[in-house]
PDB file of N, CA and C in Angstrom:
ATOM      1  N   MET A   1       0.841  -1.179   0.000  1.00  0.00           N
ATOM      2  CA  MET A   1       0.000   0.000   0.000  1.00  0.00           C
ATOM      3  C   MET A   1       0.891   1.250   0.000  1.00  0.00           C
ATOM      4  N   GLU A   2       0.535   2.234  -0.800  1.00  0.00           N
ATOM      5  CA  GLU A   2       1.338   3.443  -0.945  1.00  0.00           C
ATOM      6  C   GLU A   2       1.109   4.385   0.239  1.00  0.00           C
ATOM      7  N   THR A   3       2.182   4.992   0.701  1.00  0.00           N
ATOM      8  CA  THR A   3       2.097   5.963   1.782  1.00  0.00           C
ATOM      9  C   THR A   3       1.513   7.264   1.250  1.00  0.00           C
ATOM     10  N   GLN A   4       0.632   7.877   2.029  1.00  0.00           N
ATOM     11  CA  GLN A   4       0.051   9.153   1.611  1.00  0.00           C
ATOM     12  C   GLN A   4       1.125  10.223   1.586  1.00  0.00           C
ATOM     13  N   ASN A   5       1.017  11.130   0.608  1.00  0.00           N
ATOM     14  CA  ASN A   5       1.934  12.256   0.575  1.00  0.00           C
ATOM     15  C   ASN A   5       1.408  13.352   1.494  1.00  0.00           C
ATOM     16  N   PHE A   6       2.238  14.340   1.734  1.00  0.00           N
ATOM     17  CA  PHE A   6       1.895  15.422   2.660  1.00  0.00           C
ATOM     18  C   PHE A   6       0.635  16.165   2.220  1.00  0.00           C
ATOM     19  N   GLY A   7       0.539  16.491   0.935  1.00  0.00           N
ATOM     20  CA  GLY A   7      -0.627  17.210   0.419  1.00  0.00           C
ATOM     21  C   GLY A   7      -1.897  16.403   0.566  1.00  0.00           C
ATOM     22  N   SER A   8      -1.794  15.129   0.266  1.00  0.00           N
ATOM     23  CA  SER A   8      -2.934  14.230   0.383  1.00  0.00           C
ATOM     24  C   SER A   8      -3.440  14.181   1.820  1.00  0.00           C
ATOM     25  N   GLU A   9      -2.510  14.052   2.734  1.00  0.00           N
ATOM     26  CA  GLU A   9      -2.848  13.982   4.160  1.00  0.00           C
ATOM     27  C   GLU A   9      -3.614  15.231   4.610  1.00  0.00           C
ATOM     28  N   ILE A  10      -3.135  16.391   4.205  1.00  0.00           N
ATOM     29  CA  ILE A  10      -3.768  17.650   4.597  1.00  0.00           C
ATOM     30  C   ILE A  10      -5.171  17.760   4.025  1.00  0.00           C
ATOM     31  N   ILE A  11      -5.296  17.507   2.725  1.00  0.00           N
ATOM     32  CA  ILE A  11      -6.597  17.637   2.064  1.00  0.00           C
ATOM     33  C   ILE A  11      -7.598  16.641   2.632  1.00  0.00           C
ATOM     34  N   LEU A  12      -7.170  15.405   2.833  1.00  0.00           N
ATOM     35  CA  LEU A  12      -8.083  14.399   3.376  1.00  0.00           C
ATOM     36  C   LEU A  12      -8.495  14.720   4.812  1.00  0.00           C
ATOM     37  N   ASN A  13      -7.601  15.300   5.602  1.00  0.00           N
ATOM     38  CA  ASN A  13      -7.955  15.709   6.966  1.00  0.00           C
ATOM     39  C   ASN A  13      -8.988  16.827   6.959  1.00  0.00           C
ATOM     40  N   ILE A  14      -8.819  17.802   6.068  1.00  0.00           N
ATOM     41  CA  ILE A  14      -9.795  18.890   5.967  1.00  0.00           C
ATOM     42  C   ILE A  14     -11.140  18.329   5.530  1.00  0.00           C
ATOM     43  N   LEU A  15     -11.115  17.451   4.524  1.00  0.00           N
ATOM     44  CA  LEU A  15     -12.347  16.850   4.016  1.00  0.00           C
ATOM     45  C   LEU A  15     -13.055  16.048   5.107  1.00  0.00           C
ATOM     46  N   ALA A  16     -12.300  15.297   5.892  1.00  0.00           N
ATOM     47  CA  ALA A  16     -12.895  14.510   6.979  1.00  0.00           C
ATOM     48  C   ALA A  16     -13.553  15.415   8.016  1.00  0.00           C
ATOM     49  N   GLY A  17     -12.903  16.528   8.331  1.00  0.00           N
ATOM     50  CA  GLY A  17     -13.486  17.477   9.279  1.00  0.00           C
ATOM     51  C   GLY A  17     -14.787  18.070   8.771  1.00  0.00           C
ATOM     52  N   LYS A  18     -14.811  18.409   7.486  1.00  0.00           N
ATOM     53  CA  LYS A  18     -16.031  18.963   6.882  1.00  0.00           C
ATOM     54  C   LYS A  18     -17.134  17.917   6.846  1.00  0.00           C
ATOM     55  N   ARG A  19     -16.754  16.665   6.556  1.00  0.00           N
ATOM     56  CA  ARG A  19     -17.753  15.593   6.491  1.00  0.00           C
ATOM     57  C   ARG A  19     -18.283  15.218   7.870  1.00  0.00           C
ATOM     58  N   ALA A  20     -17.518  15.496   8.910  1.00  0.00           N
ATOM     59  CA  ALA A  20     -18.003  15.239  10.267  1.00  0.00           C
ATOM     60  C   ALA A  20     -19.188  16.150  10.581  1.00  0.00           C
ATOM     61  N   VAL A  21     -19.178  17.339   9.991  1.00  0.00           N
ATOM     62  CA  VAL A  21     -20.263  18.303  10.187  1.00  0.00           C
ATOM     63  C   VAL A  21     -21.387  18.054   9.187  1.00  0.00           C
ATOM     64  N   ASN A  22     -21.025  17.729   7.944  1.00  0.00           N
ATOM     65  CA  ASN A  22     -21.999  17.524   6.876  1.00  0.00           C
ATOM     66  C   ASN A  22     -21.560  16.308   6.071  1.00  0.00           C
ATOM     67  N   SER A  23     -22.251  15.191   6.255  1.00  0.00           N
ATOM     68  CA  SER A  23     -21.842  13.938   5.610  1.00  0.00           C
ATOM     69  C   SER A  23     -21.913  13.994   4.086  1.00  0.00           C
ATOM     70  N   LEU A  24     -22.623  14.959   3.538  1.00  0.00           N
ATOM     71  CA  LEU A  24     -22.744  15.089   2.087  1.00  0.00           C
ATOM     72  C   LEU A  24     -21.678  15.997   1.478  1.00  0.00           C
ATOM     73  N   TYR A  25     -20.804  16.551   2.313  1.00  0.00           N
ATOM     74  CA  TYR A  25     -19.757  17.459   1.826  1.00  0.00           C
ATOM     75  C   TYR A  25     -18.816  16.678   0.912  1.00  0.00           C
ATOM     76  N   SER A  26     -18.553  17.212  -0.267  1.00  0.00           N
ATOM     77  CA  SER A  26     -17.778  16.487  -1.277  1.00  0.00           C
ATOM     78  C   SER A  26     -16.429  17.145  -1.548  1.00  0.00           C
ATOM     79  N   LEU A  27     -15.603  16.427  -2.279  1.00  0.00           N
ATOM     80  CA  LEU A  27     -14.319  16.969  -2.706  1.00  0.00           C
ATOM     81  C   LEU A  27     -14.540  18.164  -3.632  1.00  0.00           C
ATOM     82  N   LYS A  28     -15.596  18.096  -4.420  1.00  0.00           N
ATOM     83  CA  LYS A  28     -15.936  19.220  -5.304  1.00  0.00           C
ATOM     84  C   LYS A  28     -16.279  20.458  -4.476  1.00  0.00           C
ATOM     85  N   ALA A  29     -17.024  20.269  -3.386  1.00  0.00           N
ATOM     86  CA  ALA A  29     -17.371  21.391  -2.504  1.00  0.00           C
ATOM     87  C   ALA A  29     -16.117  21.954  -1.837  1.00  0.00           C
ATOM     88  N   LEU A  30     -15.205  21.081  -1.446  1.00  0.00           N
ATOM     89  CA  LEU A  30     -13.956  21.542  -0.847  1.00  0.00           C
ATOM     90  C   LEU A  30     -13.161  22.358  -1.861  1.00  0.00           C
ATOM     91  N   GLY A  31     -13.103  21.872  -3.088  1.00  0.00           N
ATOM     92  CA  GLY A  31     -12.422  22.612  -4.144  1.00  0.00           C
ATOM     93  C   GLY A  31     -13.023  23.994  -4.334  1.00  0.00           C
ATOM     94  N   ARG A  32     -14.334  24.051  -4.315  1.00  0.00           N
ATOM     95  CA  ARG A  32     -15.027  25.340  -4.448  1.00  0.00           C
ATOM     96  C   ARG A  32     -14.644  26.266  -3.302  1.00  0.00           C
ATOM     97  N   ASP A  33     -14.658  25.747  -2.089  1.00  0.00           N
ATOM     98  CA  ASP A  33     -14.344  26.563  -0.914  1.00  0.00           C
ATOM     99  C   ASP A  33     -12.884  27.029  -0.907  1.00  0.00           C
ATOM    100  N   LEU A  34     -11.989  26.179  -1.395  1.00  0.00           N
ATOM    101  CA  LEU A  34     -10.566  26.524  -1.428  1.00  0.00           C
ATOM    102  C   LEU A  34     -10.187  27.310  -2.679  1.00  0.00           C
ATOM    103  N   LYS A  35     -11.127  27.376  -3.623  1.00  0.00           N
ATOM    104  CA  LYS A  35     -10.860  28.009  -4.930  1.00  0.00           C
ATOM    105  C   LYS A  35      -9.746  27.262  -5.671  1.00  0.00           C
ATOM    106  N   ILE A  36      -9.838  25.927  -5.584  1.00  0.00           N
ATOM    107  CA  ILE A  36      -8.925  25.013  -6.272  1.00  0.00           C
ATOM    108  C   ILE A  36      -9.811  23.993  -6.976  1.00  0.00           C
ATOM    109  N   SER A  37      -9.514  23.676  -8.217  1.00  0.00           N
ATOM    110  CA  SER A  37     -10.379  22.751  -8.951  1.00  0.00           C
ATOM    111  C   SER A  37     -10.369  21.361  -8.313  1.00  0.00           C
ATOM    112  N   GLN A  38     -11.499  20.684  -8.427  1.00  0.00           N
ATOM    113  CA  GLN A  38     -11.622  19.338  -7.886  1.00  0.00           C
ATOM    114  C   GLN A  38     -10.631  18.384  -8.552  1.00  0.00           C
ATOM    115  N   PRO A  39     -10.427  18.464  -9.881  1.00  0.00           N
ATOM    116  CA  PRO A  39      -9.415  17.584 -10.482  1.00  0.00           C
ATOM    117  C   PRO A  39      -8.002  17.829  -9.932  1.00  0.00           C
ATOM    118  N   GLN A  40      -7.688  19.077  -9.643  1.00  0.00           N
ATOM    119  CA  GLN A  40      -6.373  19.397  -9.080  1.00  0.00           C
ATOM    120  C   GLN A  40      -6.239  18.784  -7.682  1.00  0.00           C
ATOM    121  N   LEU A  41      -7.292  18.876  -6.875  1.00  0.00           N
ATOM    122  CA  LEU A  41      -7.269  18.258  -5.544  1.00  0.00           C
ATOM    123  C   LEU A  41      -7.094  16.745  -5.662  1.00  0.00           C
ATOM    124  N   THR A  42      -7.798  16.143  -6.606  1.00  0.00           N
ATOM    125  CA  THR A  42      -7.692  14.702  -6.815  1.00  0.00           C
ATOM    126  C   THR A  42      -6.263  14.311  -7.177  1.00  0.00           C
ATOM    127  N   LYS A  43      -5.618  15.093  -8.035  1.00  0.00           N
ATOM    128  CA  LYS A  43      -4.234  14.800  -8.422  1.00  0.00           C
ATOM    129  C   LYS A  43      -3.283  14.921  -7.235  1.00  0.00           C
ATOM    130  N   ILE A  44      -3.535  15.890  -6.349  1.00  0.00           N
ATOM    131  CA  ILE A  44      -2.698  16.030  -5.151  1.00  0.00           C
ATOM    132  C   ILE A  44      -2.891  14.818  -4.244  1.00  0.00           C
ATOM    133  N   ILE A  45      -4.145  14.398  -4.067  1.00  0.00           N
ATOM    134  CA  ILE A  45      -4.441  13.244  -3.217  1.00  0.00           C
ATOM    135  C   ILE A  45      -3.781  11.978  -3.768  1.00  0.00           C
ATOM    136  N   LYS A  46      -3.835  11.799  -5.077  1.00  0.00           N
ATOM    137  CA  LYS A  46      -3.244  10.612  -5.706  1.00  0.00           C
ATOM    138  C   LYS A  46      -1.722  10.669  -5.776  1.00  0.00           C
ATOM    139  N   GLY A  47      -1.161  11.854  -5.541  1.00  0.00           N
ATOM    140  CA  GLY A  47       0.283  12.007  -5.620  1.00  0.00           C
ATOM    141  C   GLY A  47       0.781  12.348  -7.014  1.00  0.00           C
ATOM    142  N   ASP A  48      -0.147  12.621  -7.934  1.00  0.00           N
ATOM    143  CA  ASP A  48       0.238  12.997  -9.296  1.00  0.00           C
ATOM    144  C   ASP A  48       0.639  14.463  -9.390  1.00  0.00           C
ATOM    145  N   ARG A  49       0.305  15.229  -8.379  1.00  0.00           N
ATOM    146  CA  ARG A  49       0.634  16.654  -8.349  1.00  0.00           C
ATOM    147  C   ARG A  49       1.068  16.990  -6.926  1.00  0.00           C
ATOM    148  N   ARG A  50       2.048  17.867  -6.808  1.00  0.00           N
ATOM    149  CA  ARG A  50       2.539  18.211  -5.472  1.00  0.00           C
ATOM    150  C   ARG A  50       1.747  19.379  -4.884  1.00  0.00           C
ATOM    151  N   LEU A  51       1.845  19.505  -3.591  1.00  0.00           N
ATOM    152  CA  LEU A  51       1.221  20.623  -2.889  1.00  0.00           C
ATOM    153  C   LEU A  51       2.178  21.806  -2.985  1.00  0.00           C
ATOM    154  N   THR A  52       1.854  22.762  -3.829  1.00  0.00           N
ATOM    155  CA  THR A  52       2.721  23.925  -4.039  1.00  0.00           C
ATOM    156  C   THR A  52       2.535  24.933  -2.909  1.00  0.00           C
ATOM    157  N   PRO A  53       3.477  25.844  -2.739  1.00  0.00           N
ATOM    158  CA  PRO A  53       3.299  26.901  -1.737  1.00  0.00           C
ATOM    159  C   PRO A  53       2.033  27.730  -1.988  1.00  0.00           C
ATOM    160  N   GLN A  54       1.672  27.926  -3.251  1.00  0.00           N
ATOM    161  CA  GLN A  54       0.467  28.696  -3.572  1.00  0.00           C
ATOM    162  C   GLN A  54      -0.794  27.971  -3.101  1.00  0.00           C
ATOM    163  N   ILE A  55      -0.850  26.675  -3.333  1.00  0.00           N
ATOM    164  CA  ILE A  55      -2.005  25.896  -2.887  1.00  0.00           C
ATOM    165  C   ILE A  55      -2.012  25.815  -1.365  1.00  0.00           C
ATOM    166  N   ALA A  56      -0.842  25.645  -0.765  1.00  0.00           N
ATOM    167  CA  ALA A  56      -0.750  25.624   0.701  1.00  0.00           C
ATOM    168  C   ALA A  56      -1.266  26.935   1.282  1.00  0.00           C
ATOM    169  N   ALA A  57      -0.961  28.051   0.623  1.00  0.00           N
ATOM    170  CA  ALA A  57      -1.445  29.357   1.094  1.00  0.00           C
ATOM    171  C   ALA A  57      -2.966  29.420   1.040  1.00  0.00           C
ATOM    172  N   LYS A  58      -3.564  28.905  -0.033  1.00  0.00           N
ATOM    173  CA  LYS A  58      -5.032  28.898  -0.141  1.00  0.00           C
ATOM    174  C   LYS A  58      -5.650  28.052   0.968  1.00  0.00           C
ATOM    175  N   ILE A  59      -5.044  26.896   1.225  1.00  0.00           N
ATOM    176  CA  ILE A  59      -5.550  26.020   2.283  1.00  0.00           C
ATOM    177  C   ILE A  59      -5.417  26.702   3.638  1.00  0.00           C
ATOM    178  N   GLY A  60      -4.261  27.301   3.895  1.00  0.00           N
ATOM    179  CA  GLY A  60      -4.032  27.991   5.166  1.00  0.00           C
ATOM    180  C   GLY A  60      -4.989  29.145   5.381  1.00  0.00           C
ATOM    181  N   GLN A  61      -5.259  29.896   4.332  1.00  0.00           N
ATOM    182  CA  GLN A  61      -6.204  31.011   4.444  1.00  0.00           C
ATOM    183  C   GLN A  61      -7.607  30.492   4.714  1.00  0.00           C
ATOM    184  N   HIS A  62      -7.976  29.392   4.049  1.00  0.00           N
ATOM    185  CA  HIS A  62      -9.295  28.793   4.275  1.00  0.00           C
ATOM    186  C   HIS A  62      -9.434  28.322   5.721  1.00  0.00           C
ATOM    187  N   MET A  63      -8.328  27.829   6.277  1.00  0.00           N
ATOM    188  CA  MET A  63      -8.342  27.340   7.655  1.00  0.00           C
ATOM    189  C   MET A  63      -8.177  28.478   8.660  1.00  0.00           C
ATOM    190  N   LYS A  64      -8.137  29.714   8.139  1.00  0.00           N
ATOM    191  CA  LYS A  64      -8.045  30.924   8.967  1.00  0.00           C
ATOM    192  C   LYS A  64      -6.817  30.916   9.881  1.00  0.00           C
ATOM    193  N   MET A  65      -5.682  30.512   9.313  1.00  0.00           N
ATOM    194  CA  MET A  65      -4.425  30.531  10.059  1.00  0.00           C
ATOM    195  C   MET A  65      -3.948  31.970  10.199  1.00  0.00           C
ATOM    196  N   GLY A  66      -3.304  32.269  11.306  1.00  0.00           N
ATOM    197  CA  GLY A  66      -2.672  33.569  11.483  1.00  0.00           C
ATOM    198  C   GLY A  66      -1.453  33.668  10.580  1.00  0.00           C
ATOM    199  N   ASP A  67      -0.892  34.862  10.461  1.00  0.00           N
ATOM    200  CA  ASP A  67       0.241  35.076   9.557  1.00  0.00           C
ATOM    201  C   ASP A  67       1.428  34.171   9.874  1.00  0.00           C
ATOM    202  N   ALA A  68       1.805  34.088  11.147  1.00  0.00           N
ATOM    203  CA  ALA A  68       2.960  33.276  11.536  1.00  0.00           C
ATOM    204  C   ALA A  68       2.689  31.793  11.279  1.00  0.00           C
ATOM    205  N   GLU A  69       1.494  31.347  11.634  1.00  0.00           N
ATOM    206  CA  GLU A  69       1.128  29.945  11.433  1.00  0.00           C
ATOM    207  C   GLU A  69       1.070  29.614   9.936  1.00  0.00           C
ATOM    208  N   LEU A  70       0.536  30.540   9.148  1.00  0.00           N
ATOM    209  CA  LEU A  70       0.456  30.345   7.700  1.00  0.00           C
ATOM    210  C   LEU A  70       1.854  30.240   7.092  1.00  0.00           C
ATOM    211  N   LEU A  71       2.752  31.104   7.521  1.00  0.00           N
ATOM    212  CA  LEU A  71       4.124  31.064   7.018  1.00  0.00           C
ATOM    213  C   LEU A  71       4.796  29.738   7.373  1.00  0.00           C
ATOM    214  N   LYS A  72       4.611  29.269   8.609  1.00  0.00           N
ATOM    215  CA  LYS A  72       5.169  27.979   9.026  1.00  0.00           C
ATOM    216  C   LYS A  72       4.605  26.847   8.177  1.00  0.00           C
ATOM    217  N   PHE A  73       3.306  26.907   7.908  1.00  0.00           N
ATOM    218  CA  PHE A  73       2.640  25.876   7.117  1.00  0.00           C
ATOM    219  C   PHE A  73       3.202  25.837   5.693  1.00  0.00           C
ATOM    220  N   ILE A  74       3.333  27.006   5.073  1.00  0.00           N
ATOM    221  CA  ILE A  74       3.861  27.080   3.709  1.00  0.00           C
ATOM    222  C   ILE A  74       5.307  26.584   3.674  1.00  0.00           C
ATOM    223  N   LEU A  75       6.111  27.021   4.631  1.00  0.00           N
ATOM    224  CA  LEU A  75       7.510  26.573   4.681  1.00  0.00           C
ATOM    225  C   LEU A  75       7.614  25.072   4.913  1.00  0.00           C
ATOM    226  N   SER A  76       6.728  24.523   5.741  1.00  0.00           N
ATOM    227  CA  SER A  76       6.774  23.077   5.991  1.00  0.00           C
ATOM    228  C   SER A  76       6.433  22.299   4.726  1.00  0.00           C
ATOM    229  N   THR A  77       5.508  22.815   3.902  1.00  0.00           N
ATOM    230  CA  THR A  77       5.203  22.125   2.643  1.00  0.00           C
ATOM    231  C   THR A  77       6.412  22.155   1.724  1.00  0.00           C
ATOM    232  N   MET A  78       7.106  23.286   1.709  1.00  0.00           N
ATOM    233  CA  MET A  78       8.296  23.404   0.863  1.00  0.00           C
ATOM    234  C   MET A  78       9.397  22.461   1.341  1.00  0.00           C
ATOM    235  N   LEU A  79       9.596  22.379   2.652  1.00  0.00           N
ATOM    236  CA  LEU A  79      10.630  21.500   3.205  1.00  0.00           C
ATOM    237  C   LEU A  79      10.316  20.036   2.937  1.00  0.00           C
ATOM    238  N   LYS A  80       9.055  19.665   3.099  1.00  0.00           N
ATOM    239  CA  LYS A  80       8.671  18.274   2.858  1.00  0.00           C
ATOM    240  C   LYS A  80       8.851  17.905   1.392  1.00  0.00           C
ATOM    241  N   GLU A  81       8.511  18.820   0.494  1.00  0.00           N
ATOM    242  CA  GLU A  81       8.698  18.563  -0.934  1.00  0.00           C
ATOM    243  C   GLU A  81      10.181  18.442  -1.277  1.00  0.00           C
ATOM    244  N   ASN A  82      11.011  19.307  -0.700  1.00  0.00           N
ATOM    245  CA  ASN A  82      12.452  19.236  -0.957  1.00  0.00           C
ATOM    246  C   ASN A  82      13.044  17.942  -0.415  1.00  0.00           C
ATOM    247  N   ALA A  83      12.575  17.514   0.754  1.00  0.00           N
ATOM    248  CA  ALA A  83      13.048  16.256   1.332  1.00  0.00           C
ATOM    249  C   ALA A  83      12.656  15.087   0.431  1.00  0.00           C
ATOM    250  N   LYS A  84      11.459  15.146  -0.118  1.00  0.00           N
ATOM    251  CA  LYS A  84      10.982  14.090  -1.009  1.00  0.00           C
ATOM    252  C   LYS A  84      11.845  14.027  -2.271  1.00  0.00           C
ATOM    253  N   LYS A  85      12.191  15.202  -2.813  1.00  0.00           N
ATOM    254  CA  LYS A  85      13.041  15.249  -4.008  1.00  0.00           C
ATOM    255  C   LYS A  85      14.428  14.698  -3.704  1.00  0.00           C
ATOM    256  N   THR A  86      14.966  15.021  -2.529  1.00  0.00           N
ATOM    257  CA  THR A  86      16.294  14.566  -2.134  1.00  0.00           C
ATOM    258  C   THR A  86      16.320  13.049  -1.985  1.00  0.00           C
ATOM    259  N   GLU A  87      15.252  12.477  -1.416  1.00  0.00           N
ATOM    260  CA  GLU A  87      15.178  11.030  -1.236  1.00  0.00           C
ATOM    261  C   GLU A  87      15.209  10.300  -2.567  1.00  0.00           C
ATOM    262  N   SER A  88      14.621  10.904  -3.595  1.00  0.00           N
ATOM    263  CA  SER A  88      14.538  10.228  -4.889  1.00  0.00           C
ATOM    264  C   SER A  88      15.839  10.298  -5.683  1.00  0.00           C
ATOM    265  N   LEU A  89      16.824  11.067  -5.198  1.00  0.00           N
ATOM    266  CA  LEU A  89      18.107  11.176  -5.920  1.00  0.00           C
ATOM    267  C   LEU A  89      18.994  10.008  -5.679  1.00  0.00           C
TER     268      LEU A  89
END
C-alpha cells in the first residue's frame, strides 16, 4: 500500500473534518471553498501533483491561520517537498 503524501494527508484531513459536520460534503465542494479545482485536488491526493506553496497558502487562508502559522505551514510544505526530491536522488 502506498504511503500518503503530505498534500494528500492535509486535504483528506480537511475533508474529513467537513464531512463530520456535513456527511454530504464532497471533494468538489472543498475545491469550491478553497478556490482550487476538484481535479487538481484529486491529483494532489493521488500524488500525481505536489502541494505547491500557492495551494498551501489557499488552504491555510481557508483554515483561517494567522500570519505566523500560515508562514510555518507554507515553509513546511516546501521542506517536505524538498526532502521528497532529495530522497529520490
